[in-house]
Amino acid sequence: MTIPMIVQAGGTVIPSIIGAGLAVIGAGIGIGMIGGKAMEAIARQPEAYGKIQTAMLIAAALIEGIGFAAIFAG
């Protein structure tokens, strides 16, 4: 879809595009924060690597799932 087609459609597509972009940005920020905090935790307590990695992957998957749901709902 090109920009002139979006404008001709009465502007109804533009809010969904903006919403999808915000959902992607929010999910990216959330996953980045989880990864950073996990690296800090592993640096402080290297023997807990397995538990930290498992929790990080589960949380990242849940955030990514919410991001996909927000994109498809819009």
PDB file of N, CA and C in Angstrom:
ATOM      1  N   MET A   1       0.855  -1.174   0.000  1.00  0.00           N
ATOM      2  CA  MET A   1       0.000   0.000   0.000  1.00  0.00           C
ATOM      3  C   MET A   1       0.898   1.234   0.000  1.00  0.00           C
ATOM      4  N   THR A   2       0.628   2.112  -0.899  1.00  0.00           N
ATOM      5  CA  THR A   2       1.442   3.311  -0.996  1.00  0.00           C
ATOM      6  C   THR A   2       0.808   4.441  -0.194  1.00  0.00           C
ATOM      7  N   ILE A   3       1.569   5.485   0.016  1.00  0.00           N
ATOM      8  CA  ILE A   3       1.092   6.629   0.793  1.00  0.00           C
ATOM      9  C   ILE A   3      -0.141   7.281   0.172  1.00  0.00           C
ATOM     10  N   PRO A   4      -0.195   7.527  -1.154  1.00  0.00           N
ATOM     11  CA  PRO A   4      -1.416   8.126  -1.709  1.00  0.00           C
ATOM     12  C   PRO A   4      -2.653   7.271  -1.482  1.00  0.00           C
ATOM     13  N   MET A   5      -2.514   5.933  -1.499  1.00  0.00           N
ATOM     14  CA  MET A   5      -3.668   5.066  -1.257  1.00  0.00           C
ATOM     15  C   MET A   5      -4.156   5.203   0.180  1.00  0.00           C
ATOM     16  N   ILE A   6      -3.234   5.357   1.134  1.00  0.00           N
ATOM     17  CA  ILE A   6      -3.616   5.519   2.533  1.00  0.00           C
ATOM     18  C   ILE A   6      -4.381   6.819   2.717  1.00  0.00           C
ATOM     19  N   VAL A   7      -3.922   7.876   2.108  1.00  0.00           N
ATOM     20  CA  VAL A   7      -4.590   9.171   2.236  1.00  0.00           C
ATOM     21  C   VAL A   7      -5.953   9.131   1.565  1.00  0.00           C
ATOM     22  N   GLN A   8      -6.083   8.460   0.427  1.00  0.00           N
ATOM     23  CA  GLN A   8      -7.353   8.381  -0.271  1.00  0.00           C
ATOM     24  C   GLN A   8      -8.365   7.522   0.477  1.00  0.00           C
ATOM     25  N   ALA A   9      -7.911   6.639   1.333  1.00  0.00           N
ATOM     26  CA  ALA A   9      -8.820   5.753   2.054  1.00  0.00           C
ATOM     27  C   ALA A   9      -9.514   6.471   3.204  1.00  0.00           C
ATOM     28  N   GLY A  10      -9.372   7.751   3.300  1.00  0.00           N
ATOM     29  CA  GLY A  10     -10.031   8.512   4.350  1.00  0.00           C
ATOM     30  C   GLY A  10      -9.238   8.578   5.640  1.00  0.00           C
ATOM     31  N   GLY A  11      -8.012   8.124   5.620  1.00  0.00           N
ATOM     32  CA  GLY A  11      -7.162   8.207   6.796  1.00  0.00           C
ATOM     33  C   GLY A  11      -7.451   7.148   7.845  1.00  0.00           C
ATOM     34  N   THR A  12      -8.237   6.128   7.517  1.00  0.00           N
ATOM     35  CA  THR A  12      -8.564   5.110   8.511  1.00  0.00           C
ATOM     36  C   THR A  12      -7.432   4.113   8.711  1.00  0.00           C
ATOM     37  N   VAL A  13      -6.514   4.007   7.790  1.00  0.00           N
ATOM     38  CA  VAL A  13      -5.419   3.056   7.903  1.00  0.00           C
ATOM     39  C   VAL A  13      -4.276   3.641   8.720  1.00  0.00           C
ATOM     40  N   ILE A  14      -4.122   4.935   8.695  1.00  0.00           N
ATOM     41  CA  ILE A  14      -2.989   5.576   9.368  1.00  0.00           C
ATOM     42  C   ILE A  14      -2.969   5.306  10.874  1.00  0.00           C
ATOM     43  N   PRO A  15      -4.084   5.423  11.609  1.00  0.00           N
ATOM     44  CA  PRO A  15      -4.007   5.119  13.049  1.00  0.00           C
ATOM     45  C   PRO A  15      -3.599   3.682  13.347  1.00  0.00           C
ATOM     46  N   SER A  16      -4.013   2.726  12.524  1.00  0.00           N
ATOM     47  CA  SER A  16      -3.612   1.343  12.776  1.00  0.00           C
ATOM     48  C   SER A  16      -2.129   1.143  12.492  1.00  0.00           C
ATOM     49  N   ILE A  17      -1.596   1.861  11.507  1.00  0.00           N
ATOM     50  CA  ILE A  17      -0.162   1.777  11.231  1.00  0.00           C
ATOM     51  C   ILE A  17       0.632   2.357  12.398  1.00  0.00           C
ATOM     52  N   ILE A  18       0.184   3.474  12.918  1.00  0.00           N
ATOM     53  CA  ILE A  18       0.861   4.093  14.062  1.00  0.00           C
ATOM     54  C   ILE A  18       0.766   3.187  15.285  1.00  0.00           C
ATOM     55  N   GLY A  19      -0.406   2.604  15.508  1.00  0.00           N
ATOM     56  CA  GLY A  19      -0.579   1.696  16.642  1.00  0.00           C
ATOM     57  C   GLY A  19       0.319   0.473  16.545  1.00  0.00           C
ATOM     58  N   ALA A  20       0.421  -0.094  15.352  1.00  0.00           N
ATOM     59  CA  ALA A  20       1.291  -1.256  15.157  1.00  0.00           C
ATOM     60  C   ALA A  20       2.749  -0.885  15.398  1.00  0.00           C
ATOM     61  N   GLY A  21       3.135   0.301  14.932  1.00  0.00           N
ATOM     62  CA  GLY A  21       4.510   0.762  15.168  1.00  0.00           C
ATOM     63  C   GLY A  21       4.802   0.942  16.643  1.00  0.00           C
ATOM     64  N   LEU A  22       3.856   1.514  17.369  1.00  0.00           N
ATOM     65  CA  LEU A  22       4.044   1.686  18.815  1.00  0.00           C
ATOM     66  C   LEU A  22       4.104   0.341  19.537  1.00  0.00           C
ATOM     67  N   ALA A  23       3.321  -0.630  19.095  1.00  0.00           N
ATOM     68  CA  ALA A  23       3.364  -1.958  19.699  1.00  0.00           C
ATOM     69  C   ALA A  23       4.722  -2.611  19.483  1.00  0.00           C
ATOM     70  N   VAL A  24       5.264  -2.466  18.292  1.00  0.00           N
ATOM     71  CA  VAL A  24       6.582  -3.043  17.997  1.00  0.00           C
ATOM     72  C   VAL A  24       7.664  -2.354  18.827  1.00  0.00           C
ATOM     73  N   ILE A  25       7.582  -1.033  18.919  1.00  0.00           N
ATOM     74  CA  ILE A  25       8.573  -0.297  19.708  1.00  0.00           C
ATOM     75  C   ILE A  25       8.489  -0.702  21.180  1.00  0.00           C
ATOM     76  N   GLY A  26       7.276  -0.801  21.703  1.00  0.00           N
ATOM     77  CA  GLY A  26       7.107  -1.197  23.098  1.00  0.00           C
ATOM     78  C   GLY A  26       7.632  -2.593  23.374  1.00  0.00           C
ATOM     79  N   ALA A  27       7.344  -3.528  22.473  1.00  0.00           N
ATOM     80  CA  ALA A  27       7.845  -4.893  22.647  1.00  0.00           C
ATOM     81  C   ALA A  27       9.373  -4.925  22.567  1.00  0.00           C
ATOM     82  N   GLY A  28       9.936  -4.146  21.656  1.00  0.00           N
ATOM     83  CA  GLY A  28      11.400  -4.096  21.536  1.00  0.00           C
ATOM     84  C   GLY A  28      12.060  -3.531  22.778  1.00  0.00           C
ATOM     85  N   ILE A  29      11.466  -2.491  23.329  1.00  0.00           N
ATOM     86  CA  ILE A  29      12.008  -1.910  24.567  1.00  0.00           C
ATOM     87  C   ILE A  29      11.918  -2.921  25.708  1.00  0.00           C
ATOM     88  N   GLY A  30      10.773  -3.601  25.808  1.00  0.00           N
ATOM     89  CA  GLY A  30      10.599  -4.584  26.876  1.00  0.00           C
ATOM     90  C   GLY A  30      11.586  -5.726  26.780  1.00  0.00           C
ATOM     91  N   ILE A  31      11.774  -6.265  25.600  1.00  0.00           N
ATOM     92  CA  ILE A  31      12.713  -7.374  25.421  1.00  0.00           C
ATOM     93  C   ILE A  31      14.138  -6.900  25.668  1.00  0.00           C
ATOM     94  N   GLY A  32      14.459  -5.681  25.249  1.00  0.00           N
ATOM     95  CA  GLY A  32      15.797  -5.141  25.506  1.00  0.00           C
ATOM     96  C   GLY A  32      16.069  -4.969  26.987  1.00  0.00           C
ATOM     97  N   MET A  33      15.070  -4.501  27.718  1.00  0.00           N
ATOM     98  CA  MET A  33      15.240  -4.336  29.162  1.00  0.00           C
ATOM     99  C   MET A  33      15.417  -5.695  29.852  1.00  0.00           C
ATOM    100  N   ILE A  34      14.646  -6.687  29.419  1.00  0.00           N
ATOM    101  CA  ILE A  34      14.785  -8.023  30.000  1.00  0.00           C
ATOM    102  C   ILE A  34      16.184  -8.574  29.739  1.00  0.00           C
ATOM    103  N   GLY A  35      16.662  -8.432  28.502  1.00  0.00           N
ATOM    104  CA  GLY A  35      17.997  -8.931  28.175  1.00  0.00           C
ATOM    105  C   GLY A  35      19.089  -8.238  28.967  1.00  0.00           C
ATOM    106  N   GLY A  36      18.980  -6.923  29.104  1.00  0.00           N
ATOM    107  CA  GLY A  36      19.980  -6.176  29.866  1.00  0.00           C
ATOM    108  C   GLY A  36      20.004  -6.554  31.335  1.00  0.00           C
ATOM    109  N   LYS A  37      18.831  -6.657  31.926  1.00  0.00           N
ATOM    110  CA  LYS A  37      18.754  -7.027  33.343  1.00  0.00           C
ATOM    111  C   LYS A  37      19.218  -8.461  33.566  1.00  0.00           C
ATOM    112  N   ALA A  38      18.946  -9.344  32.595  1.00  0.00           N
ATOM    113  CA  ALA A  38      19.415 -10.719  32.715  1.00  0.00           C
ATOM    114  C   ALA A  38      20.940 -10.775  32.666  1.00  0.00           C
ATOM    115  N   MET A  39      21.555  -9.979  31.802  1.00  0.00           N
ATOM    116  CA  MET A  39      23.014  -9.952  31.734  1.00  0.00           C
ATOM    117  C   MET A  39      23.611  -9.433  33.046  1.00  0.00           C
ATOM    118  N   GLU A  40      22.969  -8.417  33.626  1.00  0.00           N
ATOM    119  CA  GLU A  40      23.429  -7.917  34.926  1.00  0.00           C
ATOM    120  C   GLU A  40      23.313  -8.997  35.995  1.00  0.00           C
ATOM    121  N   ALA A  41      22.210  -9.719  35.995  1.00  0.00           N
ATOM    122  CA  ALA A  41      22.012 -10.763  36.992  1.00  0.00           C
ATOM    123  C   ALA A  41      23.018 -11.898  36.821  1.00  0.00           C
ATOM    124  N   ILE A  42      23.307 -12.260  35.580  1.00  0.00           N
ATOM    125  CA  ILE A  42      24.284 -13.318  35.334  1.00  0.00           C
ATOM    126  C   ILE A  42      25.678 -12.858  35.740  1.00  0.00           C
ATOM    127  N   ALA A  43      25.985 -11.582  35.521  1.00  0.00           N
ATOM    128  CA  ALA A  43      27.297 -11.062  35.932  1.00  0.00           C
ATOM    129  C   ALA A  43      27.436 -11.078  37.448  1.00  0.00           C
ATOM    130  N   ARG A  44      26.350 -10.830  38.162  1.00  0.00           N
ATOM    131  CA  ARG A  44      26.409 -10.828  39.630  1.00  0.00           C
ATOM    132  C   ARG A  44      26.420 -12.237  40.209  1.00  0.00           C
ATOM    133  N   GLN A  45      25.715 -13.167  39.545  1.00  0.00           N
ATOM    134  CA  GLN A  45      25.585 -14.516  40.076  1.00  0.00           C
ATOM    135  C   GLN A  45      25.703 -15.536  38.937  1.00  0.00           C
ATOM    136  N   PRO A  46      26.927 -15.800  38.487  1.00  0.00           N
ATOM    137  CA  PRO A  46      27.114 -16.674  37.312  1.00  0.00           C
ATOM    138  C   PRO A  46      26.601 -18.100  37.515  1.00  0.00           C
ATOM    139  N   GLU A  47      26.552 -18.581  38.733  1.00  0.00           N
ATOM    140  CA  GLU A  47      26.102 -19.956  38.957  1.00  0.00           C
ATOM    141  C   GLU A  47      24.598 -20.127  38.722  1.00  0.00           C
ATOM    142  N   ALA A  48      23.846 -19.036  38.672  1.00  0.00           N
ATOM    143  CA  ALA A  48      22.402 -19.103  38.431  1.00  0.00           C
ATOM    144  C   ALA A  48      22.071 -18.859  36.962  1.00  0.00           C
ATOM    145  N   TYR A  49      23.028 -19.087  36.077  1.00  0.00           N
ATOM    146  CA  TYR A  49      22.855 -18.799  34.652  1.00  0.00           C
ATOM    147  C   TYR A  49      21.637 -19.501  34.054  1.00  0.00           C
ATOM    148  N   GLY A  50      21.490 -20.779  34.349  1.00  0.00           N
ATOM    149  CA  GLY A  50      20.402 -21.557  33.756  1.00  0.00           C
ATOM    150  C   GLY A  50      19.024 -21.044  34.148  1.00  0.00           C
ATOM    151  N   LYS A  51      18.846 -20.766  35.429  1.00  0.00           N
ATOM    152  CA  LYS A  51      17.551 -20.270  35.898  1.00  0.00           C
ATOM    153  C   LYS A  51      17.251 -18.887  35.344  1.00  0.00           C
ATOM    154  N   ILE A  52      18.267 -18.034  35.282  1.00  0.00           N
ATOM    155  CA  ILE A  52      18.075 -16.676  34.768  1.00  0.00           C
ATOM    156  C   ILE A  52      17.739 -16.723  33.284  1.00  0.00           C
ATOM    157  N   GLN A  53      18.449 -17.558  32.534  1.00  0.00           N
ATOM    158  CA  GLN A  53      18.202 -17.653  31.101  1.00  0.00           C
ATOM    159  C   GLN A  53      16.801 -18.177  30.818  1.00  0.00           C
ATOM    160  N   THR A  54      16.370 -19.172  31.577  1.00  0.00           N
ATOM    161  CA  THR A  54      15.033 -19.722  31.372  1.00  0.00           C
ATOM    162  C   THR A  54      13.965 -18.677  31.637  1.00  0.00           C
ATOM    163  N   ALA A  55      14.092 -17.961  32.744  1.00  0.00           N
ATOM    164  CA  ALA A  55      13.118 -16.925  33.071  1.00  0.00           C
ATOM    165  C   ALA A  55      13.131 -15.807  32.028  1.00  0.00           C
ATOM    166  N   MET A  56      14.315 -15.456  31.553  1.00  0.00           N
ATOM    167  CA  MET A  56      14.424 -14.402  30.540  1.00  0.00           C
ATOM    168  C   MET A  56      13.731 -14.818  29.244  1.00  0.00           C
ATOM    169  N   LEU A  57      13.947 -16.046  28.791  1.00  0.00           N
ATOM    170  CA  LEU A  57      13.341 -16.501  27.540  1.00  0.00           C
ATOM    171  C   LEU A  57      11.827 -16.587  27.647  1.00  0.00           C
ATOM    172  N   ILE A  58      11.319 -17.034  28.785  1.00  0.00           N
ATOM    173  CA  ILE A  58       9.869 -17.105  28.964  1.00  0.00           C
ATOM    174  C   ILE A  58       9.271 -15.702  28.945  1.00  0.00           C
ATOM    175  N   ALA A  59       9.881 -14.774  29.664  1.00  0.00           N
ATOM    176  CA  ALA A  59       9.368 -13.402  29.698  1.00  0.00           C
ATOM    177  C   ALA A  59       9.446 -12.749  28.323  1.00  0.00           C
ATOM    178  N   ALA A  60      10.538 -12.962  27.602  1.00  0.00           N
ATOM    179  CA  ALA A  60      10.670 -12.381  26.262  1.00  0.00           C
ATOM    180  C   ALA A  60       9.633 -12.962  25.310  1.00  0.00           C
ATOM    181  N   ALA A  61       9.357 -14.247  25.417  1.00  0.00           N
ATOM    182  CA  ALA A  61       8.350 -14.864  24.553  1.00  0.00           C
ATOM    183  C   ALA A  61       6.959 -14.305  24.851  1.00  0.00           C
ATOM    184  N   LEU A  62       6.657 -14.099  26.122  1.00  0.00           N
ATOM    185  CA  LEU A  62       5.357 -13.533  26.474  1.00  0.00           C
ATOM    186  C   LEU A  62       5.216 -12.102  25.952  1.00  0.00           C
ATOM    187  N   ILE A  63       6.270 -11.312  26.073  1.00  0.00           N
ATOM    188  CA  ILE A  63       6.214  -9.945  25.563  1.00  0.00           C
ATOM    189  C   ILE A  63       6.075  -9.939  24.051  1.00  0.00           C
ATOM    190  N   GLU A  64       6.801 -10.809  23.382  1.00  0.00           N
ATOM    191  CA  GLU A  64       6.704 -10.880  21.928  1.00  0.00           C
ATOM    192  C   GLU A  64       5.303 -11.313  21.500  1.00  0.00           C
ATOM    193  N   GLY A  65       4.713 -12.246  22.232  1.00  0.00           N
ATOM    194  CA  GLY A  65       3.352 -12.674  21.929  1.00  0.00           C
ATOM    195  C   GLY A  65       2.349 -11.548  22.088  1.00  0.00           C
ATOM    196  N   ILE A  66       2.510 -10.746  23.122  1.00  0.00           N
ATOM    197  CA  ILE A  66       1.622  -9.607  23.324  1.00  0.00           C
ATOM    198  C   ILE A  66       1.824  -8.585  22.205  1.00  0.00           C
ATOM    199  N   GLY A  67       3.060  -8.403  21.787  1.00  0.00           N
ATOM    200  CA  GLY A  67       3.336  -7.475  20.675  1.00  0.00           C
ATOM    201  C   GLY A  67       2.672  -7.945  19.384  1.00  0.00           C
ATOM    202  N   PHE A  68       2.763  -9.253  19.086  1.00  0.00           N
ATOM    203  CA  PHE A  68       2.116  -9.785  17.888  1.00  0.00           C
ATOM    204  C   PHE A  68       0.600  -9.638  17.984  1.00  0.00           C
ATOM    205  N   ALA A  69       0.046  -9.905  19.161  1.00  0.00           N
ATOM    206  CA  ALA A  69      -1.400  -9.772  19.335  1.00  0.00           C
ATOM    207  C   ALA A  69      -1.844  -8.337  19.116  1.00  0.00           C
ATOM    208  N   ALA A  70      -1.051  -7.387  19.595  1.00  0.00           N
ATOM    209  CA  ALA A  70      -1.397  -5.972  19.419  1.00  0.00           C
ATOM    210  C   ALA A  70      -1.335  -5.575  17.940  1.00  0.00           C
ATOM    211  N   ILE A  71      -0.380  -6.124  17.216  1.00  0.00           N
ATOM    212  CA  ILE A  71      -0.266  -5.806  15.787  1.00  0.00           C
ATOM    213  C   ILE A  71      -1.467  -6.380  15.023  1.00  0.00           C
ATOM    214  N   PHE A  72      -1.813  -7.637  15.308  1.00  0.00           N
ATOM    215  CA  PHE A  72      -2.899  -8.275  14.571  1.00  0.00           C
ATOM    216  C   PHE A  72      -4.267  -7.759  14.989  1.00  0.00           C
ATOM    217  N   ALA A  73      -4.399  -7.278  16.207  1.00  0.00           N
ATOM    218  CA  ALA A  73      -5.671  -6.730  16.661  1.00  0.00           C
ATOM    219  C   ALA A  73      -5.957  -5.385  15.990  1.00  0.00           C
ATOM    220  N   GLY A  74      -4.888  -4.681  15.629  1.00  0.00           N
ATOM    221  CA  GLY A  74      -5.049  -3.364  15.015  1.00  0.00           C
ATOM    222  C   GLY A  74      -5.296  -3.466  13.591  1.00  0.00           C
TER     223      GLY A  74
END
